[in-house]
C-alpha cells in the first residue's frame, strides 16, 4: 500500500464483523478477502443480489448509475459489489456468513 493509499473500516451488522477496506476495493471484495460471504451474483451493479442498507458512512460507486432507483438510494440501500468506501462504513447485511475453507482434493495413493 502506498503512502497515498487509504484504508477504511467496514463493519457488517448484525454480526459485527470488522473488515479493512483498502483504497480501490469494493465492500464486497474486502469482505471476500476477509473470509466472509455476502449475497452476490453479477458483481457489476445490475442483479441487486447484494443489495443491503448503509447504516453509517459514505460510499462512492465504481459505475455511474448502479441498479438502484433514486428512492432506494435515498432510503439508504447500496450495492456492495460496486461500492467503494469513502469513510468508515457500517452496513446491515444479516445474510453474511463466514466462508467455508476451500476443500482440497484428496491425494491419490497411486492405486
PDB file of N, CA and C in Angstrom:
ATOM      1  N   UNK A   1       0.852  -1.169   0.000  1.00  0.00           N
ATOM      2  CA  UNK A   1       0.000   0.000   0.000  1.00  0.00           C
ATOM      3  C   UNK A   1       0.897   1.231   0.000  1.00  0.00           C
ATOM      4  N   UNK A   2       0.657   2.169  -0.883  1.00  0.00           N
ATOM      5  CA  UNK A   2       1.489   3.365  -0.967  1.00  0.00           C
ATOM      6  C   UNK A   2       1.136   4.329   0.153  1.00  0.00           C
ATOM      7  N   UNK A   3       1.966   5.366   0.309  1.00  0.00           N
ATOM      8  CA  UNK A   3       1.699   6.359   1.340  1.00  0.00           C
ATOM      9  C   UNK A   3       0.380   7.075   1.097  1.00  0.00           C
ATOM     10  N   UNK A   4      -0.036   7.193  -0.186  1.00  0.00           N
ATOM     11  CA  UNK A   4      -1.271   7.891  -0.516  1.00  0.00           C
ATOM     12  C   UNK A   4      -2.501   6.999  -0.355  1.00  0.00           C
ATOM     13  N   UNK A   5      -2.303   5.706  -0.262  1.00  0.00           N
ATOM     14  CA  UNK A   5      -3.434   4.782  -0.161  1.00  0.00           C
ATOM     15  C   UNK A   5      -4.085   4.902   1.214  1.00  0.00           C
ATOM     16  N   UNK A   6      -5.402   4.746   1.207  1.00  0.00           N
ATOM     17  CA  UNK A   6      -6.153   4.819   2.454  1.00  0.00           C
ATOM     18  C   UNK A   6      -6.843   3.488   2.676  1.00  0.00           C
ATOM     19  N   UNK A   7      -7.128   3.218   3.918  1.00  0.00           N
ATOM     20  CA  UNK A   7      -7.943   2.055   4.257  1.00  0.00           C
ATOM     21  C   UNK A   7      -9.019   2.526   5.228  1.00  0.00           C
ATOM     22  N   UNK A   8     -10.190   1.962   5.062  1.00  0.00           N
ATOM     23  CA  UNK A   8     -11.303   2.294   5.940  1.00  0.00           C
ATOM     24  C   UNK A   8     -11.804   1.020   6.600  1.00  0.00           C
ATOM     25  N   UNK A   9     -12.566   1.197   7.653  1.00  0.00           N
ATOM     26  CA  UNK A   9     -13.179   0.069   8.344  1.00  0.00           C
ATOM     27  C   UNK A   9     -14.557  -0.191   7.758  1.00  0.00           C
ATOM     28  N   UNK A  10     -14.873  -1.468   7.565  1.00  0.00           N
ATOM     29  CA  UNK A  10     -16.217  -1.909   7.191  1.00  0.00           C
ATOM     30  C   UNK A  10     -16.719  -2.772   8.332  1.00  0.00           C
ATOM     31  N   UNK A  11     -17.847  -2.386   8.898  1.00  0.00           N
ATOM     32  CA  UNK A  11     -18.491  -3.193   9.927  1.00  0.00           C
ATOM     33  C   UNK A  11     -19.771  -3.738   9.322  1.00  0.00           C
ATOM     34  N   UNK A  12     -19.942  -5.044   9.417  1.00  0.00           N
ATOM     35  CA  UNK A  12     -21.111  -5.705   8.851  1.00  0.00           C
ATOM     36  C   UNK A  12     -21.995  -6.166  10.001  1.00  0.00           C
ATOM     37  N   UNK A  13     -23.144  -5.542  10.111  1.00  0.00           N
ATOM     38  CA  UNK A  13     -24.119  -5.868  11.147  1.00  0.00           C
ATOM     39  C   UNK A  13     -25.146  -6.858  10.594  1.00  0.00           C
ATOM     40  N   UNK A  14     -25.817  -7.620  11.375  1.00  0.00           N
ATOM     41  CA  UNK A  14     -25.856  -7.545  12.832  1.00  0.00           C
ATOM     42  C   UNK A  14     -24.760  -8.338  13.533  1.00  0.00           C
ATOM     43  N   UNK A  15     -23.944  -9.081  12.809  1.00  0.00           N
ATOM     44  CA  UNK A  15     -22.937  -9.935  13.447  1.00  0.00           C
ATOM     45  C   UNK A  15     -21.737  -9.158  13.976  1.00  0.00           C
ATOM     46  N   UNK A  16     -21.528  -7.934  13.493  1.00  0.00           N
ATOM     47  CA  UNK A  16     -20.407  -7.135  13.978  1.00  0.00           C
ATOM     48  C   UNK A  16     -19.069  -7.503  13.367  1.00  0.00           C
ATOM     49  N   UNK A  17     -19.069  -8.103  12.183  1.00  0.00           N
ATOM     50  CA  UNK A  17     -17.806  -8.416  11.506  1.00  0.00           C
ATOM     51  C   UNK A  17     -17.066  -7.117  11.189  1.00  0.00           C
ATOM     52  N   UNK A  18     -15.751  -7.115  11.386  1.00  0.00           N
ATOM     53  CA  UNK A  18     -14.904  -5.965  11.094  1.00  0.00           C
ATOM     54  C   UNK A  18     -13.965  -6.337   9.965  1.00  0.00           C
ATOM     55  N   UNK A  19     -13.918  -5.489   8.928  1.00  0.00           N
ATOM     56  CA  UNK A  19     -13.084  -5.748   7.757  1.00  0.00           C
ATOM     57  C   UNK A  19     -12.359  -4.458   7.391  1.00  0.00           C
ATOM     58  N   UNK A  20     -11.095  -4.549   7.010  1.00  0.00           N
ATOM     59  CA  UNK A  20     -10.369  -3.398   6.469  1.00  0.00           C
ATOM     60  C   UNK A  20     -10.626  -3.334   4.965  1.00  0.00           C
ATOM     61  N   UNK A  21     -10.972  -2.155   4.477  1.00  0.00           N
ATOM     62  CA  UNK A  21     -11.237  -1.951   3.048  1.00  0.00           C
ATOM     63  C   UNK A  21     -10.123  -1.091   2.487  1.00  0.00           C
ATOM     64  N   UNK A  22      -9.289  -1.669   1.641  1.00  0.00           N
ATOM     65  CA  UNK A  22      -8.207  -0.902   1.041  1.00  0.00           C
ATOM     66  C   UNK A  22      -8.762   0.001  -0.053  1.00  0.00           C
ATOM     67  N   UNK A  23      -8.059   1.083  -0.300  1.00  0.00           N
ATOM     68  CA  UNK A  23      -8.477   2.045  -1.313  1.00  0.00           C
ATOM     69  C   UNK A  23      -8.593   1.347  -2.663  1.00  0.00           C
ATOM     70  N   UNK A  24      -9.720   1.506  -3.328  1.00  0.00           N
ATOM     71  CA  UNK A  24      -9.933   0.904  -4.639  1.00  0.00           C
ATOM     72  C   UNK A  24     -10.679  -0.412  -4.600  1.00  0.00           C
ATOM     73  N   UNK A  25     -10.791  -1.035  -3.424  1.00  0.00           N
ATOM     74  CA  UNK A  25     -11.525  -2.300  -3.303  1.00  0.00           C
ATOM     75  C   UNK A  25     -12.986  -2.002  -2.995  1.00  0.00           C
ATOM     76  N   UNK A  26     -13.878  -2.800  -3.563  1.00  0.00           N
ATOM     77  CA  UNK A  26     -15.289  -2.651  -3.212  1.00  0.00           C
ATOM     78  C   UNK A  26     -15.535  -3.269  -1.841  1.00  0.00           C
ATOM     79  N   UNK A  27     -16.668  -2.938  -1.270  1.00  0.00           N
ATOM     80  CA  UNK A  27     -17.027  -3.526   0.020  1.00  0.00           C
ATOM     81  C   UNK A  27     -17.126  -5.043  -0.088  1.00  0.00           C
ATOM     82  N   UNK A  28     -17.691  -5.520  -1.194  1.00  0.00           N
ATOM     83  CA  UNK A  28     -17.794  -6.969  -1.403  1.00  0.00           C
ATOM     84  C   UNK A  28     -16.417  -7.610  -1.508  1.00  0.00           C
ATOM     85  N   UNK A  29     -15.516  -7.023  -2.286  1.00  0.00           N
ATOM     86  CA  UNK A  29     -14.169  -7.586  -2.422  1.00  0.00           C
ATOM     87  C   UNK A  29     -13.460  -7.649  -1.076  1.00  0.00           C
ATOM     88  N   UNK A  30     -13.589  -6.607  -0.276  1.00  0.00           N
ATOM     89  CA  UNK A  30     -12.944  -6.588   1.045  1.00  0.00           C
ATOM     90  C   UNK A  30     -13.512  -7.680   1.940  1.00  0.00           C
ATOM     91  N   UNK A  31     -14.825  -7.861   1.914  1.00  0.00           N
ATOM     92  CA  UNK A  31     -15.442  -8.903   2.739  1.00  0.00           C
ATOM     93  C   UNK A  31     -14.975 -10.285   2.299  1.00  0.00           C
ATOM     94  N   UNK A  32     -14.939 -10.522   0.987  1.00  0.00           N
ATOM     95  CA  UNK A  32     -14.499 -11.823   0.482  1.00  0.00           C
ATOM     96  C   UNK A  32     -13.050 -12.100   0.878  1.00  0.00           C
ATOM     97  N   UNK A  33     -12.191 -11.094   0.779  1.00  0.00           N
ATOM     98  CA  UNK A  33     -10.783 -11.270   1.164  1.00  0.00           C
ATOM     99  C   UNK A  33     -10.640 -11.593   2.648  1.00  0.00           C
ATOM    100  N   UNK A  34     -11.592 -11.114   3.440  1.00  0.00           N
ATOM    101  CA  UNK A  34     -11.563 -11.364   4.884  1.00  0.00           C
ATOM    102  C   UNK A  34     -12.229 -12.688   5.254  1.00  0.00           C
ATOM    103  N   UNK A  35     -12.645 -13.458   4.249  1.00  0.00           N
ATOM    104  CA  UNK A  35     -13.241 -14.759   4.522  1.00  0.00           C
ATOM    105  C   UNK A  35     -14.722 -14.719   4.827  1.00  0.00           C
ATOM    106  N   UNK A  36     -15.393 -13.635   4.412  1.00  0.00           N
ATOM    107  CA  UNK A  36     -16.831 -13.513   4.648  1.00  0.00           C
ATOM    108  C   UNK A  36     -17.573 -13.640   3.326  1.00  0.00           C
ATOM    109  N   UNK A  37     -18.702 -14.284   3.365  1.00  0.00           N
ATOM    110  CA  UNK A  37     -19.518 -14.480   2.175  1.00  0.00           C
ATOM    111  C   UNK A  37     -20.774 -13.628   2.284  1.00  0.00           C
ATOM    112  N   UNK A  38     -20.930 -12.684   1.370  1.00  0.00           N
ATOM    113  CA  UNK A  38     -22.127 -11.860   1.269  1.00  0.00           C
ATOM    114  C   UNK A  38     -22.917 -12.338   0.064  1.00  0.00           C
ATOM    115  N   UNK A  39     -24.238 -12.126   0.059  1.00  0.00           N
ATOM    116  CA  UNK A  39     -25.008 -12.459  -1.140  1.00  0.00           C
ATOM    117  C   UNK A  39     -24.424 -11.709  -2.337  1.00  0.00           C
ATOM    118  N   UNK A  40     -24.356 -12.386  -3.477  1.00  0.00           N
ATOM    119  CA  UNK A  40     -23.779 -11.761  -4.673  1.00  0.00           C
ATOM    120  C   UNK A  40     -24.097 -12.606  -5.888  1.00  0.00           C
ATOM    121  N   UNK A  41     -23.927 -12.001  -7.057  1.00  0.00           N
ATOM    122  CA  UNK A  41     -24.072 -12.733  -8.307  1.00  0.00           C
ATOM    123  C   UNK A  41     -23.267 -12.043  -9.398  1.00  0.00           C
ATOM    124  N   UNK A  42     -23.762 -10.933  -9.940  1.00  0.00           N
ATOM    125  CA  UNK A  42     -23.152 -10.321 -11.130  1.00  0.00           C
ATOM    126  C   UNK A  42     -21.852  -9.577 -10.857  1.00  0.00           C
ATOM    127  N   UNK A  43     -21.721  -8.962  -9.708  1.00  0.00           N
ATOM    128  CA  UNK A  43     -20.572  -8.137  -9.316  1.00  0.00           C
ATOM    129  C   UNK A  43     -20.381  -6.886 -10.171  1.00  0.00           C
ATOM    130  N   UNK A  44     -21.420  -6.459 -10.892  1.00  0.00           N
ATOM    131  CA  UNK A  44     -21.290  -5.237 -11.692  1.00  0.00           C
ATOM    132  C   UNK A  44     -22.423  -4.245 -11.453  1.00  0.00           C
ATOM    133  N   UNK A  45     -23.214  -4.448 -10.401  1.00  0.00           N
ATOM    134  CA  UNK A  45     -24.223  -3.483 -10.021  1.00  0.00           C
ATOM    135  C   UNK A  45     -25.558  -3.596 -10.723  1.00  0.00           C
ATOM    136  N   UNK A  46     -25.837  -4.733 -11.356  1.00  0.00           N
ATOM    137  CA  UNK A  46     -27.109  -4.844 -12.070  1.00  0.00           C
ATOM    138  C   UNK A  46     -28.080  -5.855 -11.476  1.00  0.00           C
ATOM    139  N   UNK A  47     -27.618  -6.936 -10.880  1.00  0.00           N
ATOM    140  CA  UNK A  47     -28.534  -8.009 -10.453  1.00  0.00           C
ATOM    141  C   UNK A  47     -29.227  -7.715  -9.121  1.00  0.00           C
ATOM    142  N   UNK A  48     -28.625  -6.897  -8.285  1.00  0.00           N
ATOM    143  CA  UNK A  48     -29.174  -6.491  -6.989  1.00  0.00           C
ATOM    144  C   UNK A  48     -29.131  -7.586  -5.922  1.00  0.00           C
ATOM    145  N   UNK A  49     -28.453  -8.687  -6.171  1.00  0.00           N
ATOM    146  CA  UNK A  49     -28.378  -9.777  -5.194  1.00  0.00           C
ATOM    147  C   UNK A  49     -27.702  -9.335  -3.898  1.00  0.00           C
ATOM    148  N   UNK A  50     -26.770  -8.391  -3.975  1.00  0.00           N
ATOM    149  CA  UNK A  50     -26.006  -7.956  -2.804  1.00  0.00           C
ATOM    150  C   UNK A  50     -26.633  -6.771  -2.072  1.00  0.00           C
ATOM    151  N   UNK A  51     -27.743  -6.270  -2.550  1.00  0.00           N
ATOM    152  CA  UNK A  51     -28.363  -5.058  -2.016  1.00  0.00           C
ATOM    153  C   UNK A  51     -28.545  -5.136  -0.494  1.00  0.00           C
ATOM    154  N   UNK A  52     -28.100  -4.094   0.187  1.00  0.00           N
ATOM    155  CA  UNK A  52     -28.248  -4.009   1.635  1.00  0.00           C
ATOM    156  C   UNK A  52     -28.307  -2.543   2.036  1.00  0.00           C
ATOM    157  N   UNK A  53     -28.512  -2.305   3.289  1.00  0.00           N
ATOM    158  CA  UNK A  53     -28.618  -0.923   3.778  1.00  0.00           C
ATOM    159  C   UNK A  53     -27.281  -0.403   4.305  1.00  0.00           C
ATOM    160  N   UNK A  54     -27.003   0.841   3.973  1.00  0.00           N
ATOM    161  CA  UNK A  54     -25.880   1.567   4.543  1.00  0.00           C
ATOM    162  C   UNK A  54     -26.372   2.180   5.849  1.00  0.00           C
ATOM    163  N   UNK A  55     -25.783   1.764   6.958  1.00  0.00           N
ATOM    164  CA  UNK A  55     -26.185   2.254   8.272  1.00  0.00           C
ATOM    165  C   UNK A  55     -25.450   3.543   8.598  1.00  0.00           C
ATOM    166  N   UNK A  56     -24.173   3.582   8.238  1.00  0.00           N
ATOM    167  CA  UNK A  56     -23.337   4.723   8.579  1.00  0.00           C
ATOM    168  C   UNK A  56     -22.183   4.806   7.604  1.00  0.00           C
ATOM    169  N   UNK A  57     -21.735   6.021   7.298  1.00  0.00           N
ATOM    170  CA  UNK A  57     -20.566   6.217   6.459  1.00  0.00           C
ATOM    171  C   UNK A  57     -20.915   6.726   5.079  1.00  0.00           C
ATOM    172  N   UNK A  58     -19.859   6.867   4.276  1.00  0.00           N
ATOM    173  CA  UNK A  58     -20.005   7.385   2.922  1.00  0.00           C
ATOM    174  C   UNK A  58     -19.378   6.418   1.924  1.00  0.00           C
ATOM    175  N   UNK A  59     -20.065   6.260   0.782  1.00  0.00           N
ATOM    176  CA  UNK A  59     -19.552   5.415  -0.296  1.00  0.00           C
ATOM    177  C   UNK A  59     -19.602   6.189  -1.609  1.00  0.00           C
ATOM    178  N   UNK A  60     -18.902   5.660  -2.590  1.00  0.00           N
ATOM    179  CA  UNK A  60     -18.996   6.111  -3.977  1.00  0.00           C
ATOM    180  C   UNK A  60     -19.124   4.839  -4.795  1.00  0.00           C
ATOM    181  N   UNK A  61     -19.535   4.963  -6.029  1.00  0.00           N
ATOM    182  CA  UNK A  61     -19.716   3.786  -6.877  1.00  0.00           C
ATOM    183  C   UNK A  61     -18.691   3.735  -7.997  1.00  0.00           C
ATOM    184  N   UNK A  62     -18.298   2.521  -8.355  1.00  0.00           N
ATOM    185  CA  UNK A  62     -17.410   2.291  -9.497  1.00  0.00           C
ATOM    186  C   UNK A  62     -18.109   2.561 -10.813  1.00  0.00           C
ATOM    187  N   UNK A  63     -19.417   2.422 -10.817  1.00  0.00           N
ATOM    188  CA  UNK A  63     -20.201   2.611 -12.042  1.00  0.00           C
ATOM    189  C   UNK A  63     -21.025   3.879 -11.895  1.00  0.00           C
ATOM    190  N   UNK A  64     -21.367   4.499 -13.019  1.00  0.00           N
ATOM    191  CA  UNK A  64     -22.077   5.774 -12.978  1.00  0.00           C
ATOM    192  C   UNK A  64     -23.444   5.669 -12.317  1.00  0.00           C
ATOM    193  N   UNK A  65     -24.224   4.680 -12.667  1.00  0.00           N
ATOM    194  CA  UNK A  65     -25.547   4.535 -12.059  1.00  0.00           C
ATOM    195  C   UNK A  65     -25.805   3.070 -11.788  1.00  0.00           C
ATOM    196  N   UNK A  66     -25.580   2.617 -10.554  1.00  0.00           N
ATOM    197  CA  UNK A  66     -25.833   1.215 -10.234  1.00  0.00           C
ATOM    198  C   UNK A  66     -27.319   0.904 -10.270  1.00  0.00           C
ATOM    199  N   UNK A  67     -27.659  -0.357 -10.216  1.00  0.00           N
ATOM    200  CA  UNK A  67     -29.038  -0.820 -10.342  1.00  0.00           C
ATOM    201  C   UNK A  67     -29.932  -0.512  -9.161  1.00  0.00           C
ATOM    202  N   UNK A  68     -29.977   0.734  -8.747  1.00  0.00           N
ATOM    203  CA  UNK A  68     -30.857   1.184  -7.675  1.00  0.00           C
ATOM    204  C   UNK A  68     -31.677   2.370  -8.173  1.00  0.00           C
ATOM    205  N   UNK A  69     -32.899   2.461  -7.701  1.00  0.00           N
ATOM    206  CA  UNK A  69     -33.703   3.631  -8.031  1.00  0.00           C
ATOM    207  C   UNK A  69     -33.254   4.798  -7.152  1.00  0.00           C
ATOM    208  N   UNK A  70     -33.628   5.995  -7.535  1.00  0.00           N
ATOM    209  CA  UNK A  70     -33.307   7.166  -6.722  1.00  0.00           C
ATOM    210  C   UNK A  70     -33.935   7.042  -5.334  1.00  0.00           C
ATOM    211  N   UNK A  71     -35.133   6.476  -5.275  1.00  0.00           N
ATOM    212  CA  UNK A  71     -35.815   6.289  -3.993  1.00  0.00           C
ATOM    213  C   UNK A  71     -35.055   5.307  -3.103  1.00  0.00           C
ATOM    214  N   UNK A  72     -34.579   4.206  -3.697  1.00  0.00           N
ATOM    215  CA  UNK A  72     -33.809   3.220  -2.914  1.00  0.00           C
ATOM    216  C   UNK A  72     -32.530   3.850  -2.373  1.00  0.00           C
ATOM    217  N   UNK A  73     -31.847   4.609  -3.207  1.00  0.00           N
ATOM    218  CA  UNK A  73     -30.629   5.277  -2.749  1.00  0.00           C
ATOM    219  C   UNK A  73     -30.944   6.241  -1.609  1.00  0.00           C
ATOM    220  N   UNK A  74     -32.035   6.987  -1.736  1.00  0.00           N
ATOM    221  CA  UNK A  74     -32.432   7.932  -0.689  1.00  0.00           C
ATOM    222  C   UNK A  74     -32.784   7.217   0.613  1.00  0.00           C
ATOM    223  N   UNK A  75     -33.271   5.986   0.516  1.00  0.00           N
ATOM    224  CA  UNK A  75     -33.619   5.188   1.697  1.00  0.00           C
ATOM    225  C   UNK A  75     -32.409   4.486   2.308  1.00  0.00           C
ATOM    226  N   UNK A  76     -31.230   4.621   1.683  1.00  0.00           N
ATOM    227  CA  UNK A  76     -30.013   4.050   2.246  1.00  0.00           C
ATOM    228  C   UNK A  76     -29.600   2.710   1.681  1.00  0.00           C
ATOM    229  N   UNK A  77     -30.268   2.239   0.632  1.00  0.00           N
ATOM    230  CA  UNK A  77     -29.878   0.971   0.017  1.00  0.00           C
ATOM    231  C   UNK A  77     -28.625   1.179  -0.823  1.00  0.00           C
ATOM    232  N   UNK A  78     -27.720   0.201  -0.783  1.00  0.00           N
ATOM    233  CA  UNK A  78     -26.491   0.249  -1.575  1.00  0.00           C
ATOM    234  C   UNK A  78     -26.243  -1.112  -2.225  1.00  0.00           C
ATOM    235  N   UNK A  79     -25.290  -1.123  -3.153  1.00  0.00           N
ATOM    236  CA  UNK A  79     -24.836  -2.364  -3.787  1.00  0.00           C
ATOM    237  C   UNK A  79     -23.347  -2.529  -3.476  1.00  0.00           C
ATOM    238  N   UNK A  80     -23.003  -3.353  -2.481  1.00  0.00           N
ATOM    239  CA  UNK A  80     -21.608  -3.520  -2.069  1.00  0.00           C
ATOM    240  C   UNK A  80     -20.674  -4.001  -3.174  1.00  0.00           C
ATOM    241  N   UNK A  81     -21.210  -4.657  -4.203  1.00  0.00           N
ATOM    242  CA  UNK A  81     -20.347  -5.184  -5.270  1.00  0.00           C
ATOM    243  C   UNK A  81     -19.669  -4.078  -6.078  1.00  0.00           C
ATOM    244  N   UNK A  82     -20.234  -2.882  -6.072  1.00  0.00           N
ATOM    245  CA  UNK A  82     -19.644  -1.755  -6.801  1.00  0.00           C
ATOM    246  C   UNK A  82     -19.435  -0.534  -5.903  1.00  0.00           C
ATOM    247  N   UNK A  83     -19.598  -0.702  -4.590  1.00  0.00           N
ATOM    248  CA  UNK A  83     -19.476   0.404  -3.644  1.00  0.00           C
ATOM    249  C   UNK A  83     -18.061   0.495  -3.094  1.00  0.00           C
ATOM    250  N   UNK A  84     -17.509   1.695  -3.132  1.00  0.00           N
ATOM    251  CA  UNK A  84     -16.183   1.991  -2.606  1.00  0.00           C
ATOM    252  C   UNK A  84     -16.338   2.815  -1.331  1.00  0.00           C
ATOM    253  N   UNK A  85     -15.634   2.466  -0.293  1.00  0.00           N
ATOM    254  CA  UNK A  85     -15.697   3.212   0.965  1.00  0.00           C
ATOM    255  C   UNK A  85     -15.015   4.563   0.798  1.00  0.00           C
ATOM    256  N   UNK A  86     -15.663   5.609   1.296  1.00  0.00           N
ATOM    257  CA  UNK A  86     -15.080   6.946   1.326  1.00  0.00           C
ATOM    258  C   UNK A  86     -14.917   7.439   2.765  1.00  0.00           C
ATOM    259  N   UNK A  87     -15.262   6.543   3.700  1.00  0.00           N
ATOM    260  CA  UNK A  87     -15.102   6.766   5.134  1.00  0.00           C
ATOM    261  C   UNK A  87     -15.252   5.387   5.774  1.00  0.00           C
ATOM    262  N   UNK A  88     -15.160   5.323   7.080  1.00  0.00           N
ATOM    263  CA  UNK A  88     -15.523   4.079   7.756  1.00  0.00           C
ATOM    264  C   UNK A  88     -17.006   3.847   7.475  1.00  0.00           C
ATOM    265  N   UNK A  89     -17.384   2.589   7.256  1.00  0.00           N
ATOM    266  CA  UNK A  89     -18.733   2.255   6.794  1.00  0.00           C
ATOM    267  C   UNK A  89     -19.309   1.130   7.649  1.00  0.00           C
ATOM    268  N   UNK A  90     -20.599   1.239   7.937  1.00  0.00           N
ATOM    269  CA  UNK A  90     -21.350   0.149   8.565  1.00  0.00           C
ATOM    270  C   UNK A  90     -22.507  -0.197   7.647  1.00  0.00           C
ATOM    271  N   UNK A  91     -22.650  -1.496   7.341  1.00  0.00           N
ATOM    272  CA  UNK A  91     -23.778  -1.952   6.535  1.00  0.00           C
ATOM    273  C   UNK A  91     -24.590  -2.966   7.331  1.00  0.00           C
ATOM    274  N   UNK A  92     -25.848  -3.102   6.964  1.00  0.00           N
ATOM    275  CA  UNK A  92     -26.716  -4.105   7.571  1.00  0.00           C
ATOM    276  C   UNK A  92     -26.927  -5.205   6.539  1.00  0.00           C
ATOM    277  N   UNK A  93     -26.279  -6.338   6.739  1.00  0.00           N
ATOM    278  CA  UNK A  93     -26.409  -7.479   5.825  1.00  0.00           C
ATOM    279  C   UNK A  93     -26.478  -8.749   6.667  1.00  0.00           C
ATOM    280  N   UNK A  94     -27.698  -9.102   7.121  1.00  0.00           N
ATOM    281  CA  UNK A  94     -27.848 -10.260   8.002  1.00  0.00           C
ATOM    282  C   UNK A  94     -27.516 -11.589   7.342  1.00  0.00           C
ATOM    283  N   UNK A  95     -27.401 -11.630   6.034  1.00  0.00           N
ATOM    284  CA  UNK A  95     -27.088 -12.892   5.352  1.00  0.00           C
ATOM    285  C   UNK A  95     -25.589 -13.147   5.222  1.00  0.00           C
ATOM    286  N   UNK A  96     -24.759 -12.330   5.854  1.00  0.00           N
ATOM    287  CA  UNK A  96     -23.307 -12.519   5.821  1.00  0.00           C
ATOM    288  C   UNK A  96     -22.935 -13.792   6.570  1.00  0.00           C
ATOM    289  N   UNK A  97     -22.084 -14.570   5.969  1.00  0.00           N
ATOM    290  CA  UNK A  97     -21.616 -15.825   6.575  1.00  0.00           C
ATOM    291  C   UNK A  97     -20.089 -15.894   6.490  1.00  0.00           C
ATOM    292  N   UNK A  98     -19.517 -16.608   7.415  1.00  0.00           N
ATOM    293  CA  UNK A  98     -18.087 -16.895   7.287  1.00  0.00           C
ATOM    294  C   UNK A  98     -17.955 -17.927   6.193  1.00  0.00           C
ATOM    295  N   UNK A  99     -17.064 -17.667   5.257  1.00  0.00           N
ATOM    296  CA  UNK A  99     -16.883 -18.574   4.126  1.00  0.00           C
ATOM    297  C   UNK A  99     -16.253 -19.872   4.601  1.00  0.00           C
ATOM    298  N   UNK A 100     -16.702 -20.947   4.019  1.00  0.00           N
ATOM    299  CA  UNK A 100     -16.118 -22.255   4.342  1.00  0.00           C
ATOM    300  C   UNK A 100     -14.705 -22.306   3.773  1.00  0.00           C
ATOM    301  N   UNK A 101     -13.789 -22.950   4.479  1.00  0.00           N
ATOM    302  CA  UNK A 101     -12.437 -23.080   3.934  1.00  0.00           C
ATOM    303  C   UNK A 101     -12.479 -23.892   2.645  1.00  0.00           C
ATOM    304  N   UNK A 102     -11.562 -23.608   1.729  1.00  0.00           N
ATOM    305  CA  UNK A 102     -11.576 -24.359   0.477  1.00  0.00           C
ATOM    306  C   UNK A 102     -11.356 -25.847   0.702  1.00  0.00           C
ATOM    307  N   UNK A 103     -12.032 -26.644  -0.070  1.00  0.00           N
ATOM    308  CA  UNK A 103     -11.884 -28.098   0.011  1.00  0.00           C
ATOM    309  C   UNK A 103     -10.705 -28.487  -0.866  1.00  0.00           C
ATOM    310  N   UNK A 104      -9.771 -29.194  -0.278  1.00  0.00           N
ATOM    311  CA  UNK A 104      -8.602 -29.643  -1.036  1.00  0.00           C
ATOM    312  C   UNK A 104      -8.863 -31.066  -1.526  1.00  0.00           C
ATOM    313  N   UNK A 105      -8.545 -31.313  -2.780  1.00  0.00           N
ATOM    314  CA  UNK A 105      -8.759 -32.677  -3.288  1.00  0.00           C
ATOM    315  C   UNK A 105      -7.881 -33.682  -2.555  1.00  0.00           C
ATOM    316  N   UNK A 106      -8.411 -34.864  -2.352  1.00  0.00           N
ATOM    317  CA  UNK A 106      -7.630 -35.930  -1.712  1.00  0.00           C
ATOM    318  C   UNK A 106      -6.481 -36.330  -2.617  1.00  0.00           C
ATOM    319  N   UNK A 107      -5.367 -36.639  -2.007  1.00  0.00           N
ATOM    320  CA  UNK A 107      -4.204 -37.083  -2.789  1.00  0.00           C
ATOM    321  C   UNK A 107      -4.396 -38.517  -3.246  1.00  0.00           C
ATOM    322  N   UNK A 108      -4.026 -38.750  -4.443  1.00  0.00           N
ATOM    323  CA  UNK A 108      -4.083 -40.114  -4.970  1.00  0.00           C
ATOM    324  C   UNK A 108      -2.950 -40.922  -4.345  1.00  0.00           C
ATOM    325  N   UNK A 109      -3.260 -42.158  -4.000  1.00  0.00           N
ATOM    326  CA  UNK A 109      -2.227 -43.032  -3.419  1.00  0.00           C
ATOM    327  C   UNK A 109      -1.603 -43.932  -4.471  1.00  0.00           C
ATOM    328  N   UNK A 110      -1.894 -43.611  -5.735  1.00  0.00           N
ATOM    329  CA  UNK A 110      -1.251 -44.365  -6.810  1.00  0.00           C
ATOM    330  C   UNK A 110      -1.864 -45.713  -7.069  1.00  0.00           C
ATOM    331  N   UNK A 111      -3.068 -45.959  -6.584  1.00  0.00           N
ATOM    332  CA  UNK A 111      -3.714 -47.245  -6.805  1.00  0.00           C
ATOM    333  C   UNK A 111      -4.347 -47.293  -8.162  1.00  0.00           C
TER     334      UNK A 111
END
